[in-house]
């Protein structure tokens, strides 16, 4: 996902993203909600 974002932002020039159903990306094993999701921490 990070590499995809870099592709669109750095190679194709877009300025941002709106994450569809983005809170799903914060779920951990067994769909448990996480307070420190690895993806969001990596993005930031």
ModelCIF file with pLDDT and N, C-alpha, C, O atoms, coordinates in Angstrom:
data_MODEL
#
_entry.id   MODEL 
#
_entity.id                         1 
_entity.type                       polymer 
_entity.pdbx_number_of_molecules   1 
#
_entity_poly.entity_id                      1 
_entity_poly.type                           'polypeptide(L)' 
_entity_poly.nstd_linkage                   no 
_entity_poly.nstd_monomer                   no 
_entity_poly.pdbx_seq_one_letter_code       
;(UNK)(UNK)(UNK)(UNK)(UNK)(UNK)(UNK)(UNK)(UNK)(UNK)(UNK)(UNK)(UNK)(UNK)(UNK)(UNK)
(UNK)(UNK)(UNK)(UNK)(UNK)(UNK)(UNK)(UNK)(UNK)(UNK)(UNK)(UNK)(UNK)(UNK)(UNK)(UNK)
(UNK)(UNK)(UNK)(UNK)(UNK)(UNK)(UNK)(UNK)(UNK)(UNK)(UNK)(UNK)
;
_entity_poly.pdbx_seq_one_letter_code_can   XXXXXXXXXXXXXXXXXXXXXXXXXXXXXXXXXXXXXXXXXXXX 
_entity_poly.pdbx_strand_id                 A 
#
loop_
_entity_poly_seq.entity_id 
_entity_poly_seq.num 
_entity_poly_seq.mon_id 
_entity_poly_seq.hetero 
1 1  UNK n 
1 2  UNK n 
1 3  UNK n 
1 4  UNK n 
1 5  UNK n 
1 6  UNK n 
1 7  UNK n 
1 8  UNK n 
1 9  UNK n 
1 10 UNK n 
1 11 UNK n 
1 12 UNK n 
1 13 UNK n 
1 14 UNK n 
1 15 UNK n 
1 16 UNK n 
1 17 UNK n 
1 18 UNK n 
1 19 UNK n 
1 20 UNK n 
1 21 UNK n 
1 22 UNK n 
1 23 UNK n 
1 24 UNK n 
1 25 UNK n 
1 26 UNK n 
1 27 UNK n 
1 28 UNK n 
1 29 UNK n 
1 30 UNK n 
1 31 UNK n 
1 32 UNK n 
1 33 UNK n 
1 34 UNK n 
1 35 UNK n 
1 36 UNK n 
1 37 UNK n 
1 38 UNK n 
1 39 UNK n 
1 40 UNK n 
1 41 UNK n 
1 42 UNK n 
1 43 UNK n 
1 44 UNK n 
#
_struct_asym.id          A 
_struct_asym.entity_id   1 
#
loop_
_ma_qa_metric.id 
_ma_qa_metric.mode 
_ma_qa_metric.name 
_ma_qa_metric.software_group_id 
_ma_qa_metric.type 
1 global pLDDT . pLDDT 
2 local  pLDDT . pLDDT 
#
_ma_qa_metric_global.metric_id      1 
_ma_qa_metric_global.metric_value   97.59 
_ma_qa_metric_global.model_id       1 
_ma_qa_metric_global.ordinal_id     1 
#
loop_
_ma_qa_metric_local.label_asym_id 
_ma_qa_metric_local.label_comp_id 
_ma_qa_metric_local.label_seq_id 
_ma_qa_metric_local.metric_id 
_ma_qa_metric_local.metric_value 
_ma_qa_metric_local.model_id 
_ma_qa_metric_local.ordinal_id 
A UNK 1  2 98.00 1 1  
A UNK 2  2 98.00 1 2  
A UNK 3  2 98.00 1 3  
A UNK 4  2 98.00 1 4  
A UNK 5  2 98.00 1 5  
A UNK 6  2 98.00 1 6  
A UNK 7  2 98.00 1 7  
A UNK 8  2 98.00 1 8  
A UNK 9  2 98.00 1 9  
A UNK 10 2 98.00 1 10 
A UNK 11 2 98.00 1 11 
A UNK 12 2 98.00 1 12 
A UNK 13 2 98.00 1 13 
A UNK 14 2 98.00 1 14 
A UNK 15 2 98.00 1 15 
A UNK 16 2 98.00 1 16 
A UNK 17 2 98.00 1 17 
A UNK 18 2 98.00 1 18 
A UNK 19 2 98.00 1 19 
A UNK 20 2 98.00 1 20 
A UNK 21 2 97.00 1 21 
A UNK 22 2 97.00 1 22 
A UNK 23 2 98.00 1 23 
A UNK 24 2 98.00 1 24 
A UNK 25 2 98.00 1 25 
A UNK 26 2 98.00 1 26 
A UNK 27 2 98.00 1 27 
A UNK 28 2 97.00 1 28 
A UNK 29 2 95.00 1 29 
A UNK 30 2 94.00 1 30 
A UNK 31 2 97.00 1 31 
A UNK 32 2 97.00 1 32 
A UNK 33 2 97.00 1 33 
A UNK 34 2 98.00 1 34 
A UNK 35 2 97.00 1 35 
A UNK 36 2 97.00 1 36 
A UNK 37 2 98.00 1 37 
A UNK 38 2 98.00 1 38 
A UNK 39 2 98.00 1 39 
A UNK 40 2 98.00 1 40 
A UNK 41 2 97.00 1 41 
A UNK 42 2 98.00 1 42 
A UNK 43 2 98.00 1 43 
A UNK 44 2 96.00 1 44 
#
loop_
_atom_site.group_PDB 
_atom_site.id 
_atom_site.type_symbol 
_atom_site.label_atom_id 
_atom_site.label_alt_id 
_atom_site.label_comp_id 
_atom_site.label_asym_id 
_atom_site.label_entity_id 
_atom_site.label_seq_id 
_atom_site.pdbx_PDB_ins_code 
_atom_site.Cartn_x 
_atom_site.Cartn_y 
_atom_site.Cartn_z 
_atom_site.occupancy 
_atom_site.B_iso_or_equiv 
_atom_site.pdbx_formal_charge 
_atom_site.auth_seq_id 
_atom_site.auth_comp_id 
_atom_site.auth_asym_id 
_atom_site.auth_atom_id 
_atom_site.pdbx_PDB_model_num 
ATOM 1   N N  . UNK A 1 1  ? 0.836   -1.205  0.000   1.00 98.00 ? 1  UNK A N  1 
ATOM 2   C CA . UNK A 1 1  ? 0.000   0.000   0.000   1.00 98.00 ? 1  UNK A CA 1 
ATOM 3   C C  . UNK A 1 1  ? 0.869   1.251   0.000   1.00 98.00 ? 1  UNK A C  1 
ATOM 4   O O  . UNK A 1 1  ? 0.582   2.204   -0.725  1.00 98.00 ? 1  UNK A O  1 
ATOM 5   N N  . UNK A 1 2  ? 1.923   1.257   0.803   1.00 98.00 ? 2  UNK A N  1 
ATOM 6   C CA . UNK A 1 2  ? 2.837   2.400   0.816   1.00 98.00 ? 2  UNK A CA 1 
ATOM 7   C C  . UNK A 1 2  ? 3.453   2.625   -0.562  1.00 98.00 ? 2  UNK A C  1 
ATOM 8   O O  . UNK A 1 2  ? 3.538   3.761   -1.029  1.00 98.00 ? 2  UNK A O  1 
ATOM 9   N N  . UNK A 1 3  ? 3.879   1.549   -1.209  1.00 98.00 ? 3  UNK A N  1 
ATOM 10  C CA . UNK A 1 3  ? 4.497   1.681   -2.525  1.00 98.00 ? 3  UNK A CA 1 
ATOM 11  C C  . UNK A 1 3  ? 3.479   2.185   -3.545  1.00 98.00 ? 3  UNK A C  1 
ATOM 12  O O  . UNK A 1 3  ? 3.830   2.956   -4.439  1.00 98.00 ? 3  UNK A O  1 
ATOM 13  N N  . UNK A 1 4  ? 2.226   1.757   -3.420  1.00 98.00 ? 4  UNK A N  1 
ATOM 14  C CA . UNK A 1 4  ? 1.171   2.264   -4.299  1.00 98.00 ? 4  UNK A CA 1 
ATOM 15  C C  . UNK A 1 4  ? 0.987   3.767   -4.110  1.00 98.00 ? 4  UNK A C  1 
ATOM 16  O O  . UNK A 1 4  ? 0.886   4.510   -5.087  1.00 98.00 ? 4  UNK A O  1 
ATOM 17  N N  . UNK A 1 5  ? 0.944   4.210   -2.867  1.00 98.00 ? 5  UNK A N  1 
ATOM 18  C CA . UNK A 1 5  ? 0.782   5.638   -2.599  1.00 98.00 ? 5  UNK A CA 1 
ATOM 19  C C  . UNK A 1 5  ? 1.949   6.437   -3.165  1.00 98.00 ? 5  UNK A C  1 
ATOM 20  O O  . UNK A 1 5  ? 1.756   7.515   -3.728  1.00 98.00 ? 5  UNK A O  1 
ATOM 21  N N  . UNK A 1 6  ? 3.160   5.906   -3.014  1.00 98.00 ? 6  UNK A N  1 
ATOM 22  C CA . UNK A 1 6  ? 4.336   6.607   -3.559  1.00 98.00 ? 6  UNK A CA 1 
ATOM 23  C C  . UNK A 1 6  ? 4.261   6.664   -5.081  1.00 98.00 ? 6  UNK A C  1 
ATOM 24  O O  . UNK A 1 6  ? 4.642   7.666   -5.687  1.00 98.00 ? 6  UNK A O  1 
ATOM 25  N N  . UNK A 1 7  ? 3.773   5.596   -5.696  1.00 98.00 ? 7  UNK A N  1 
ATOM 26  C CA . UNK A 1 7  ? 3.639   5.575   -7.156  1.00 98.00 ? 7  UNK A CA 1 
ATOM 27  C C  . UNK A 1 7  ? 2.750   6.723   -7.626  1.00 98.00 ? 7  UNK A C  1 
ATOM 28  O O  . UNK A 1 7  ? 3.125   7.480   -8.522  1.00 98.00 ? 7  UNK A O  1 
ATOM 29  N N  . UNK A 1 8  ? 1.582   6.847   -7.023  1.00 98.00 ? 8  UNK A N  1 
ATOM 30  C CA . UNK A 1 8  ? 0.635   7.882   -7.460  1.00 98.00 ? 8  UNK A CA 1 
ATOM 31  C C  . UNK A 1 8  ? 1.100   9.288   -7.070  1.00 98.00 ? 8  UNK A C  1 
ATOM 32  O O  . UNK A 1 8  ? 0.899   10.240  -7.824  1.00 98.00 ? 8  UNK A O  1 
ATOM 33  N N  . UNK A 1 9  ? 1.715   9.416   -5.901  1.00 98.00 ? 9  UNK A N  1 
ATOM 34  C CA . UNK A 1 9  ? 2.100   10.744  -5.425  1.00 98.00 ? 9  UNK A CA 1 
ATOM 35  C C  . UNK A 1 9  ? 3.382   11.254  -6.061  1.00 98.00 ? 9  UNK A C  1 
ATOM 36  O O  . UNK A 1 9  ? 3.481   12.440  -6.374  1.00 98.00 ? 9  UNK A O  1 
ATOM 37  N N  . UNK A 1 10 ? 4.367   10.383  -6.260  1.00 98.00 ? 10 UNK A N  1 
ATOM 38  C CA . UNK A 1 10 ? 5.674   10.814  -6.739  1.00 98.00 ? 10 UNK A CA 1 
ATOM 39  C C  . UNK A 1 10 ? 5.862   10.611  -8.237  1.00 98.00 ? 10 UNK A C  1 
ATOM 40  O O  . UNK A 1 10 ? 6.522   11.420  -8.889  1.00 98.00 ? 10 UNK A O  1 
ATOM 41  N N  . UNK A 1 11 ? 5.293   9.542   -8.793  1.00 98.00 ? 11 UNK A N  1 
ATOM 42  C CA . UNK A 1 11 ? 5.434   9.285   -10.230 1.00 98.00 ? 11 UNK A CA 1 
ATOM 43  C C  . UNK A 1 11 ? 4.343   9.987   -11.043 1.00 98.00 ? 11 UNK A C  1 
ATOM 44  O O  . UNK A 1 11 ? 4.603   10.484  -12.139 1.00 98.00 ? 11 UNK A O  1 
ATOM 45  N N  . UNK A 1 12 ? 3.129   10.024  -10.504 1.00 98.00 ? 12 UNK A N  1 
ATOM 46  C CA . UNK A 1 12 ? 2.004   10.605  -11.247 1.00 98.00 ? 12 UNK A CA 1 
ATOM 47  C C  . UNK A 1 12 ? 1.546   11.943  -10.682 1.00 98.00 ? 12 UNK A C  1 
ATOM 48  O O  . UNK A 1 12 ? 0.735   12.622  -11.310 1.00 98.00 ? 12 UNK A O  1 
ATOM 49  N N  . UNK A 1 13 ? 2.041   12.338  -9.517  1.00 98.00 ? 13 UNK A N  1 
ATOM 50  C CA . UNK A 1 13 ? 1.902   13.712  -9.057  1.00 98.00 ? 13 UNK A CA 1 
ATOM 51  C C  . UNK A 1 13 ? 0.684   14.065  -8.230  1.00 98.00 ? 13 UNK A C  1 
ATOM 52  O O  . UNK A 1 13 ? 0.490   15.244  -7.933  1.00 98.00 ? 13 UNK A O  1 
ATOM 53  N N  . UNK A 1 14 ? -0.164  13.096  -7.832  1.00 98.00 ? 14 UNK A N  1 
ATOM 54  C CA . UNK A 1 14 ? -1.377  13.468  -7.110  1.00 98.00 ? 14 UNK A CA 1 
ATOM 55  C C  . UNK A 1 14 ? -1.027  14.044  -5.744  1.00 98.00 ? 14 UNK A C  1 
ATOM 56  O O  . UNK A 1 14 ? 0.072   13.841  -5.229  1.00 98.00 ? 14 UNK A O  1 
ATOM 57  N N  . UNK A 1 15 ? -1.985  14.765  -5.169  1.00 98.00 ? 15 UNK A N  1 
ATOM 58  C CA . UNK A 1 15 ? -1.722  15.569  -3.973  1.00 98.00 ? 15 UNK A CA 1 
ATOM 59  C C  . UNK A 1 15 ? -2.286  14.993  -2.688  1.00 98.00 ? 15 UNK A C  1 
ATOM 60  O O  . UNK A 1 15 ? -2.055  15.542  -1.611  1.00 98.00 ? 15 UNK A O  1 
ATOM 61  N N  . UNK A 1 16 ? -3.021  13.897  -2.787  1.00 98.00 ? 16 UNK A N  1 
ATOM 62  C CA . UNK A 1 16 ? -3.568  13.321  -1.569  1.00 98.00 ? 16 UNK A CA 1 
ATOM 63  C C  . UNK A 1 16 ? -4.490  12.159  -1.861  1.00 98.00 ? 16 UNK A C  1 
ATOM 64  O O  . UNK A 1 16 ? -4.736  11.800  -3.013  1.00 98.00 ? 16 UNK A O  1 
ATOM 65  N N  . UNK A 1 17 ? -4.997  11.576  -0.772  1.00 98.00 ? 17 UNK A N  1 
ATOM 66  C CA . UNK A 1 17 ? -5.819  10.380  -0.881  1.00 98.00 ? 17 UNK A CA 1 
ATOM 67  C C  . UNK A 1 17 ? -6.995  10.452  0.079   1.00 98.00 ? 17 UNK A C  1 
ATOM 68  O O  . UNK A 1 17 ? -6.897  11.008  1.173   1.00 98.00 ? 17 UNK A O  1 
ATOM 69  N N  . UNK A 1 18 ? -8.097  9.882   -0.354  1.00 98.00 ? 18 UNK A N  1 
ATOM 70  C CA . UNK A 1 18 ? -9.261  9.674   0.502   1.00 98.00 ? 18 UNK A CA 1 
ATOM 71  C C  . UNK A 1 18 ? -9.470  8.166   0.591   1.00 98.00 ? 18 UNK A C  1 
ATOM 72  O O  . UNK A 1 18 ? -9.748  7.514   -0.416  1.00 98.00 ? 18 UNK A O  1 
ATOM 73  N N  . UNK A 1 19 ? -9.335  7.612   1.796   1.00 98.00 ? 19 UNK A N  1 
ATOM 74  C CA . UNK A 1 19 ? -9.367  6.173   1.980   1.00 98.00 ? 19 UNK A CA 1 
ATOM 75  C C  . UNK A 1 19 ? -10.799 5.670   2.121   1.00 98.00 ? 19 UNK A C  1 
ATOM 76  O O  . UNK A 1 19 ? -11.480 5.966   3.103   1.00 98.00 ? 19 UNK A O  1 
ATOM 77  N N  . UNK A 1 20 ? -11.246 4.906   1.128   1.00 98.00 ? 20 UNK A N  1 
ATOM 78  C CA . UNK A 1 20 ? -12.563 4.296   1.180   1.00 98.00 ? 20 UNK A CA 1 
ATOM 79  C C  . UNK A 1 20 ? -12.618 3.312   2.356   1.00 98.00 ? 20 UNK A C  1 
ATOM 80  O O  . UNK A 1 20 ? -11.729 2.474   2.512   1.00 98.00 ? 20 UNK A O  1 
ATOM 81  N N  . UNK A 1 21 ? -13.672 3.420   3.181   1.00 97.00 ? 21 UNK A N  1 
ATOM 82  C CA . UNK A 1 21 ? -13.797 2.562   4.373   1.00 97.00 ? 21 UNK A CA 1 
ATOM 83  C C  . UNK A 1 21 ? -12.469 2.471   5.120   1.00 97.00 ? 21 UNK A C  1 
ATOM 84  O O  . UNK A 1 21 ? -12.036 1.394   5.529   1.00 97.00 ? 21 UNK A O  1 
ATOM 85  N N  . UNK A 1 22 ? -11.840 3.621   5.284   1.00 97.00 ? 22 UNK A N  1 
ATOM 86  C CA . UNK A 1 22 ? -10.467 3.646   5.785   1.00 97.00 ? 22 UNK A CA 1 
ATOM 87  C C  . UNK A 1 22 ? -10.277 3.034   7.156   1.00 97.00 ? 22 UNK A C  1 
ATOM 88  O O  . UNK A 1 22 ? -9.194  2.533   7.456   1.00 97.00 ? 22 UNK A O  1 
ATOM 89  N N  . UNK A 1 23 ? -11.312 3.060   8.008   1.00 98.00 ? 23 UNK A N  1 
ATOM 90  C CA . UNK A 1 23 ? -11.129 2.519   9.351   1.00 98.00 ? 23 UNK A CA 1 
ATOM 91  C C  . UNK A 1 23 ? -10.895 1.012   9.308   1.00 98.00 ? 23 UNK A C  1 
ATOM 92  O O  . UNK A 1 23 ? -10.359 0.447   10.261  1.00 98.00 ? 23 UNK A O  1 
ATOM 93  N N  . UNK A 1 24 ? -11.294 0.344   8.208   1.00 98.00 ? 24 UNK A N  1 
ATOM 94  C CA . UNK A 1 24 ? -11.012 -1.091  8.070   1.00 98.00 ? 24 UNK A CA 1 
ATOM 95  C C  . UNK A 1 24 ? -9.511  -1.345  8.089   1.00 98.00 ? 24 UNK A C  1 
ATOM 96  O O  . UNK A 1 24 ? -9.059  -2.395  8.546   1.00 98.00 ? 24 UNK A O  1 
ATOM 97  N N  . UNK A 1 25 ? -8.746  -0.390  7.597   1.00 98.00 ? 25 UNK A N  1 
ATOM 98  C CA . UNK A 1 25 ? -7.298  -0.542  7.533   1.00 98.00 ? 25 UNK A CA 1 
ATOM 99  C C  . UNK A 1 25 ? -6.654  -0.493  8.917   1.00 98.00 ? 25 UNK A C  1 
ATOM 100 O O  . UNK A 1 25 ? -5.457  -0.745  9.056   1.00 98.00 ? 25 UNK A O  1 
ATOM 101 N N  . UNK A 1 26 ? -7.448  -0.170  9.942   1.00 98.00 ? 26 UNK A N  1 
ATOM 102 C CA . UNK A 1 26 ? -6.930  -0.128  11.311  1.00 98.00 ? 26 UNK A CA 1 
ATOM 103 C C  . UNK A 1 26 ? -7.211  -1.419  12.065  1.00 98.00 ? 26 UNK A C  1 
ATOM 104 O O  . UNK A 1 26 ? -6.884  -1.522  13.248  1.00 98.00 ? 26 UNK A O  1 
ATOM 105 N N  . UNK A 1 27 ? -7.805  -2.394  11.412  1.00 98.00 ? 27 UNK A N  1 
ATOM 106 C CA . UNK A 1 27 ? -8.142  -3.656  12.092  1.00 98.00 ? 27 UNK A CA 1 
ATOM 107 C C  . UNK A 1 27 ? -6.940  -4.605  12.092  1.00 98.00 ? 27 UNK A C  1 
ATOM 108 O O  . UNK A 1 27 ? -6.181  -4.681  11.126  1.00 98.00 ? 27 UNK A O  1 
ATOM 109 N N  . UNK A 1 28 ? -6.794  -5.325  13.210  1.00 97.00 ? 28 UNK A N  1 
ATOM 110 C CA . UNK A 1 28 ? -5.726  -6.294  13.345  1.00 97.00 ? 28 UNK A CA 1 
ATOM 111 C C  . UNK A 1 28 ? -6.233  -7.719  13.204  1.00 97.00 ? 28 UNK A C  1 
ATOM 112 O O  . UNK A 1 28 ? -7.285  -7.955  12.609  1.00 97.00 ? 28 UNK A O  1 
ATOM 113 N N  . UNK A 1 29 ? -5.494  -8.655  13.743  1.00 95.00 ? 29 UNK A N  1 
ATOM 114 C CA . UNK A 1 29 ? -5.879  -10.059 13.654  1.00 95.00 ? 29 UNK A CA 1 
ATOM 115 C C  . UNK A 1 29 ? -7.281  -10.261 14.217  1.00 95.00 ? 29 UNK A C  1 
ATOM 116 O O  . UNK A 1 29 ? -7.632  -9.708  15.259  1.00 95.00 ? 29 UNK A O  1 
ATOM 117 N N  . UNK A 1 30 ? -8.078  -11.064 13.509  1.00 94.00 ? 30 UNK A N  1 
ATOM 118 C CA . UNK A 1 30 ? -9.447  -11.291 13.930  1.00 94.00 ? 30 UNK A CA 1 
ATOM 119 C C  . UNK A 1 30 ? -10.318 -10.065 13.818  1.00 94.00 ? 30 UNK A C  1 
ATOM 120 O O  . UNK A 1 30 ? -11.389 -10.001 14.420  1.00 94.00 ? 30 UNK A O  1 
ATOM 121 N N  . UNK A 1 31 ? -9.862  -9.080  13.043  1.00 97.00 ? 31 UNK A N  1 
ATOM 122 C CA . UNK A 1 31 ? -10.572 -7.803  12.828  1.00 97.00 ? 31 UNK A CA 1 
ATOM 123 C C  . UNK A 1 31 ? -10.625 -6.935  14.084  1.00 97.00 ? 31 UNK A C  1 
ATOM 124 O O  . UNK A 1 31 ? -11.455 -6.030  14.175  1.00 97.00 ? 31 UNK A O  1 
ATOM 125 N N  . UNK A 1 32 ? -9.759  -7.201  15.037  1.00 97.00 ? 32 UNK A N  1 
ATOM 126 C CA . UNK A 1 32 ? -9.727  -6.389  16.251  1.00 97.00 ? 32 UNK A CA 1 
ATOM 127 C C  . UNK A 1 32 ? -9.287  -4.964  15.927  1.00 97.00 ? 32 UNK A C  1 
ATOM 128 O O  . UNK A 1 32 ? -8.256  -4.780  15.280  1.00 97.00 ? 32 UNK A O  1 
ATOM 129 N N  . UNK A 1 33 ? -10.051 -3.935  16.365  1.00 97.00 ? 33 UNK A N  1 
ATOM 130 C CA . UNK A 1 33 ? -9.641  -2.543  16.132  1.00 97.00 ? 33 UNK A CA 1 
ATOM 131 C C  . UNK A 1 33 ? -8.344  -2.224  16.882  1.00 97.00 ? 33 UNK A C  1 
ATOM 132 O O  . UNK A 1 33 ? -8.183  -2.578  18.050  1.00 97.00 ? 33 UNK A O  1 
ATOM 133 N N  . UNK A 1 34 ? -7.434  -1.557  16.195  1.00 98.00 ? 34 UNK A N  1 
ATOM 134 C CA . UNK A 1 34 ? -6.142  -1.204  16.783  1.00 98.00 ? 34 UNK A CA 1 
ATOM 135 C C  . UNK A 1 34 ? -6.057  0.301   17.002  1.00 98.00 ? 34 UNK A C  1 
ATOM 136 O O  . UNK A 1 34 ? -6.521  1.084   16.174  1.00 98.00 ? 34 UNK A O  1 
ATOM 137 N N  . UNK A 1 35 ? -5.463  0.699   18.118  1.00 97.00 ? 35 UNK A N  1 
ATOM 138 C CA . UNK A 1 35 ? -5.269  2.120   18.393  1.00 97.00 ? 35 UNK A CA 1 
ATOM 139 C C  . UNK A 1 35 ? -4.025  2.665   17.709  1.00 97.00 ? 35 UNK A C  1 
ATOM 140 O O  . UNK A 1 35 ? -3.909  3.875   17.512  1.00 97.00 ? 35 UNK A O  1 
ATOM 141 N N  . UNK A 1 36 ? -3.092  1.789   17.346  1.00 97.00 ? 36 UNK A N  1 
ATOM 142 C CA . UNK A 1 36 ? -1.875  2.191   16.649  1.00 97.00 ? 36 UNK A CA 1 
ATOM 143 C C  . UNK A 1 36 ? -1.690  1.308   15.419  1.00 97.00 ? 36 UNK A C  1 
ATOM 144 O O  . UNK A 1 36 ? -0.786  0.473   15.390  1.00 97.00 ? 36 UNK A O  1 
ATOM 145 N N  . UNK A 1 37 ? -2.535  1.482   14.401  1.00 98.00 ? 37 UNK A N  1 
ATOM 146 C CA . UNK A 1 37 ? -2.471  0.612   13.221  1.00 98.00 ? 37 UNK A CA 1 
ATOM 147 C C  . UNK A 1 37 ? -1.132  0.738   12.509  1.00 98.00 ? 37 UNK A C  1 
ATOM 148 O O  . UNK A 1 37 ? -0.671  1.853   12.265  1.00 98.00 ? 37 UNK A O  1 
ATOM 149 N N  . UNK A 1 38 ? -0.495  -0.385  12.170  1.00 98.00 ? 38 UNK A N  1 
ATOM 150 C CA . UNK A 1 38 ? 0.818   -0.331  11.506  1.00 98.00 ? 38 UNK A CA 1 
ATOM 151 C C  . UNK A 1 38 ? 0.810   0.482   10.220  1.00 98.00 ? 38 UNK A C  1 
ATOM 152 O O  . UNK A 1 38 ? 1.764   1.214   9.956   1.00 98.00 ? 38 UNK A O  1 
ATOM 153 N N  . UNK A 1 39 ? -0.247  0.373   9.410   1.00 98.00 ? 39 UNK A N  1 
ATOM 154 C CA . UNK A 1 39 ? -0.276  1.109   8.148   1.00 98.00 ? 39 UNK A CA 1 
ATOM 155 C C  . UNK A 1 39 ? -0.287  2.599   8.388   1.00 98.00 ? 39 UNK A C  1 
ATOM 156 O O  . UNK A 1 39 ? 0.500   3.325   7.780   1.00 98.00 ? 39 UNK A O  1 
ATOM 157 N N  . UNK A 1 40 ? -1.159  3.075   9.258   1.00 98.00 ? 40 UNK A N  1 
ATOM 158 C CA . UNK A 1 40 ? -1.256  4.515   9.496   1.00 98.00 ? 40 UNK A CA 1 
ATOM 159 C C  . UNK A 1 40 ? 0.034   5.060   10.097  1.00 98.00 ? 40 UNK A C  1 
ATOM 160 O O  . UNK A 1 40 ? 0.457   6.166   9.761   1.00 98.00 ? 40 UNK A O  1 
ATOM 161 N N  . UNK A 1 41 ? 0.655   4.296   10.977  1.00 97.00 ? 41 UNK A N  1 
ATOM 162 C CA . UNK A 1 41 ? 1.925   4.743   11.545  1.00 97.00 ? 41 UNK A CA 1 
ATOM 163 C C  . UNK A 1 41 ? 3.005   4.819   10.464  1.00 97.00 ? 41 UNK A C  1 
ATOM 164 O O  . UNK A 1 41 ? 3.828   5.734   10.456  1.00 97.00 ? 41 UNK A O  1 
ATOM 165 N N  . UNK A 1 42 ? 2.987   3.851   9.558   1.00 98.00 ? 42 UNK A N  1 
ATOM 166 C CA . UNK A 1 42 ? 3.984   3.853   8.476   1.00 98.00 ? 42 UNK A CA 1 
ATOM 167 C C  . UNK A 1 42 ? 3.760   5.023   7.529   1.00 98.00 ? 42 UNK A C  1 
ATOM 168 O O  . UNK A 1 42 ? 4.722   5.648   7.083   1.00 98.00 ? 42 UNK A O  1 
ATOM 169 N N  . UNK A 1 43 ? 2.511   5.326   7.216   1.00 98.00 ? 43 UNK A N  1 
ATOM 170 C CA . UNK A 1 43 ? 2.194   6.463   6.340   1.00 98.00 ? 43 UNK A CA 1 
ATOM 171 C C  . UNK A 1 43 ? 2.683   7.761   6.965   1.00 98.00 ? 43 UNK A C  1 
ATOM 172 O O  . UNK A 1 43 ? 3.305   8.582   6.291   1.00 98.00 ? 43 UNK A O  1 
ATOM 173 N N  . UNK A 1 44 ? 2.405   7.948   8.240   1.00 96.00 ? 44 UNK A N  1 
ATOM 174 C CA . UNK A 1 44 ? 2.762   9.194   8.910   1.00 96.00 ? 44 UNK A CA 1 
ATOM 175 C C  . UNK A 1 44 ? 4.261   9.331   9.128   1.00 96.00 ? 44 UNK A C  1 
ATOM 176 O O  . UNK A 1 44 ? 4.716   10.332  9.682   1.00 96.00 ? 44 UNK A O  1 
#
